PDB file of N, CA and C in Angstrom:
ATOM      1  N   MET A   1     260.045  51.737   7.063  1.00  0.00           N
ATOM      2  CA  MET A   1     258.748  52.253   7.415  1.00  0.00           C
ATOM      3  C   MET A   1     258.573  52.161   8.930  1.00  0.00           C
ATOM      4  N   ARG A   2     258.215  53.268   9.538  1.00  0.00           N
ATOM      5  CA  ARG A   2     257.966  53.300  10.982  1.00  0.00           C
ATOM      6  C   ARG A   2     256.467  53.155  11.225  1.00  0.00           C
ATOM      7  N   ILE A   3     256.114  52.180  12.046  1.00  0.00           N
ATOM      8  CA  ILE A   3     254.716  51.924  12.371  1.00  0.00           C
ATOM      9  C   ILE A   3     254.527  52.149  13.860  1.00  0.00           C
ATOM     10  N   GLY A   4     253.542  52.971  14.210  1.00  0.00           N
ATOM     11  CA  GLY A   4     253.224  53.227  15.605  1.00  0.00           C
ATOM     12  C   GLY A   4     251.957  52.498  15.996  1.00  0.00           C
ATOM     13  N   LEU A   5     251.866  52.106  17.256  1.00  0.00           N
ATOM     14  CA  LEU A   5     250.686  51.420  17.777  1.00  0.00           C
ATOM     15  C   LEU A   5     250.159  52.197  18.974  1.00  0.00           C
ATOM     16  N   TYR A   6     248.881  52.523  18.923  1.00  0.00           N
ATOM     17  CA  TYR A   6     248.234  53.227  20.028  1.00  0.00           C
ATOM     18  C   TYR A   6     247.085  52.345  20.528  1.00  0.00           C
ATOM     19  N   PRO A   7     247.378  51.446  21.479  1.00  0.00           N
ATOM     20  CA  PRO A   7     246.339  50.558  21.988  1.00  0.00           C
ATOM     21  C   PRO A   7     245.503  51.251  23.063  1.00  0.00           C
ATOM     22  N   GLY A   8     244.289  50.798  23.217  1.00  0.00           N
ATOM     23  CA  GLY A   8     243.469  51.336  24.284  1.00  0.00           C
ATOM     24  C   GLY A   8     241.994  51.099  24.054  1.00  0.00           C
ATOM     25  N   THR A   9     241.208  51.548  25.016  1.00  0.00           N
ATOM     26  CA  THR A   9     239.756  51.535  24.863  1.00  0.00           C
ATOM     27  C   THR A   9     239.328  52.975  24.659  1.00  0.00           C
ATOM     28  N   PHE A  10     238.694  53.212  23.564  1.00  0.00           N
ATOM     29  CA  PHE A  10     238.345  54.577  23.179  1.00  0.00           C
ATOM     30  C   PHE A  10     236.825  54.726  23.166  1.00  0.00           C
ATOM     31  N   ASP A  11     236.224  54.420  24.301  1.00  0.00           N
ATOM     32  CA  ASP A  11     234.771  54.488  24.397  1.00  0.00           C
ATOM     33  C   ASP A  11     234.390  55.306  25.618  1.00  0.00           C
ATOM     34  N   PRO A  12     234.163  56.576  25.461  1.00  0.00           N
ATOM     35  CA  PRO A  12     234.167  57.350  24.219  1.00  0.00           C
ATOM     36  C   PRO A  12     235.556  57.890  23.921  1.00  0.00           C
ATOM     37  N   ILE A  13     235.780  58.257  22.676  1.00  0.00           N
ATOM     38  CA  ILE A  13     237.037  58.905  22.311  1.00  0.00           C
ATOM     39  C   ILE A  13     236.998  60.332  22.860  1.00  0.00           C
ATOM     40  N   THR A  14     238.097  60.772  23.426  1.00  0.00           N
ATOM     41  CA  THR A  14     238.136  62.093  24.060  1.00  0.00           C
ATOM     42  C   THR A  14     239.086  63.011  23.306  1.00  0.00           C
ATOM     43  N   LEU A  15     239.075  64.270  23.679  1.00  0.00           N
ATOM     44  CA  LEU A  15     240.001  65.228  23.076  1.00  0.00           C
ATOM     45  C   LEU A  15     241.443  64.859  23.395  1.00  0.00           C
ATOM     46  N   GLY A  16     241.673  64.244  24.531  1.00  0.00           N
ATOM     47  CA  GLY A  16     243.015  63.780  24.882  1.00  0.00           C
ATOM     48  C   GLY A  16     243.502  62.693  23.943  1.00  0.00           C
ATOM     49  N   HIS A  17     242.609  61.764  23.597  1.00  0.00           N
ATOM     50  CA  HIS A  17     242.961  60.726  22.627  1.00  0.00           C
ATOM     51  C   HIS A  17     243.327  61.367  21.291  1.00  0.00           C
ATOM     52  N   LEU A  18     242.499  62.295  20.832  1.00  0.00           N
ATOM     53  CA  LEU A  18     242.743  62.948  19.543  1.00  0.00           C
ATOM     54  C   LEU A  18     244.051  63.730  19.559  1.00  0.00           C
ATOM     55  N   ASP A  19     244.369  64.342  20.688  1.00  0.00           N
ATOM     56  CA  ASP A  19     245.618  65.095  20.803  1.00  0.00           C
ATOM     57  C   ASP A  19     246.824  64.167  20.651  1.00  0.00           C
ATOM     58  N   ILE A  20     246.786  63.028  21.300  1.00  0.00           N
ATOM     59  CA  ILE A  20     247.891  62.062  21.190  1.00  0.00           C
ATOM     60  C   ILE A  20     248.022  61.561  19.760  1.00  0.00           C
ATOM     61  N   ILE A  21     246.889  61.291  19.106  1.00  0.00           N
ATOM     62  CA  ILE A  21     246.913  60.830  17.718  1.00  0.00           C
ATOM     63  C   ILE A  21     247.542  61.888  16.817  1.00  0.00           C
ATOM     64  N   GLU A  22     247.145  63.141  16.984  1.00  0.00           N
ATOM     65  CA  GLU A  22     247.697  64.227  16.167  1.00  0.00           C
ATOM     66  C   GLU A  22     249.194  64.392  16.399  1.00  0.00           C
ATOM     67  N   ARG A  23     249.640  64.242  17.629  1.00  0.00           N
ATOM     68  CA  ARG A  23     251.071  64.380  17.935  1.00  0.00           C
ATOM     69  C   ARG A  23     251.882  63.200  17.413  1.00  0.00           C
ATOM     70  N   ALA A  24     251.275  62.020  17.365  1.00  0.00           N
ATOM     71  CA  ALA A  24     251.986  60.820  16.927  1.00  0.00           C
ATOM     72  C   ALA A  24     252.118  60.741  15.409  1.00  0.00           C
ATOM     73  N   CYS A  25     251.159  61.272  14.679  1.00  0.00           N
ATOM     74  CA  CYS A  25     251.154  61.139  13.214  1.00  0.00           C
ATOM     75  C   CYS A  25     252.440  61.625  12.544  1.00  0.00           C
ATOM     76  N   PRO A  26     253.000  62.759  12.920  1.00  0.00           N
ATOM     77  CA  PRO A  26     254.241  63.184  12.259  1.00  0.00           C
ATOM     78  C   PRO A  26     255.452  62.302  12.584  1.00  0.00           C
ATOM     79  N   LEU A  27     255.368  61.498  13.630  1.00  0.00           N
ATOM     80  CA  LEU A  27     256.503  60.691  14.072  1.00  0.00           C
ATOM     81  C   LEU A  27     256.605  59.344  13.375  1.00  0.00           C
ATOM     82  N   VAL A  28     255.502  58.883  12.773  1.00  0.00           N
ATOM     83  CA  VAL A  28     255.471  57.553  12.165  1.00  0.00           C
ATOM     84  C   VAL A  28     254.895  57.631  10.755  1.00  0.00           C
ATOM     85  N   ASP A  29     255.152  56.585   9.977  1.00  0.00           N
ATOM     86  CA  ASP A  29     254.594  56.503   8.631  1.00  0.00           C
ATOM     87  C   ASP A  29     253.161  55.978   8.659  1.00  0.00           C
ATOM     88  N   ARG A  30     252.899  55.103   9.613  1.00  0.00           N
ATOM     89  CA  ARG A  30     251.558  54.527   9.747  1.00  0.00           C
ATOM     90  C   ARG A  30     251.256  54.394  11.229  1.00  0.00           C
ATOM     91  N   LEU A  31     250.052  54.811  11.630  1.00  0.00           N
ATOM     92  CA  LEU A  31     249.641  54.720  13.026  1.00  0.00           C
ATOM     93  C   LEU A  31     248.436  53.795  13.120  1.00  0.00           C
ATOM     94  N   VAL A  32     248.591  52.718  13.888  1.00  0.00           N
ATOM     95  CA  VAL A  32     247.514  51.756  14.096  1.00  0.00           C
ATOM     96  C   VAL A  32     246.861  52.087  15.431  1.00  0.00           C
ATOM     97  N   ILE A  33     245.560  52.318  15.402  1.00  0.00           N
ATOM     98  CA  ILE A  33     244.814  52.667  16.609  1.00  0.00           C
ATOM     99  C   ILE A  33     243.830  51.544  16.884  1.00  0.00           C
ATOM    100  N   GLY A  34     243.923  50.974  18.076  1.00  0.00           N
ATOM    101  CA  GLY A  34     243.011  49.859  18.359  1.00  0.00           C
ATOM    102  C   GLY A  34     242.998  49.483  19.808  1.00  0.00           C
TER     103      GLY A  34
END
C-alpha cells in the first residue's frame, strides 16, 4: 500500500492545493492531508 502525505497549512484552501491533491490521488492508495 502506497501512502502519500501532503503537509501544510490550508487556511484558506486554494485551487492550487486542490490541484495538487487531484494530481496526487492516482499516484497513491491513500493520501493523508494535514
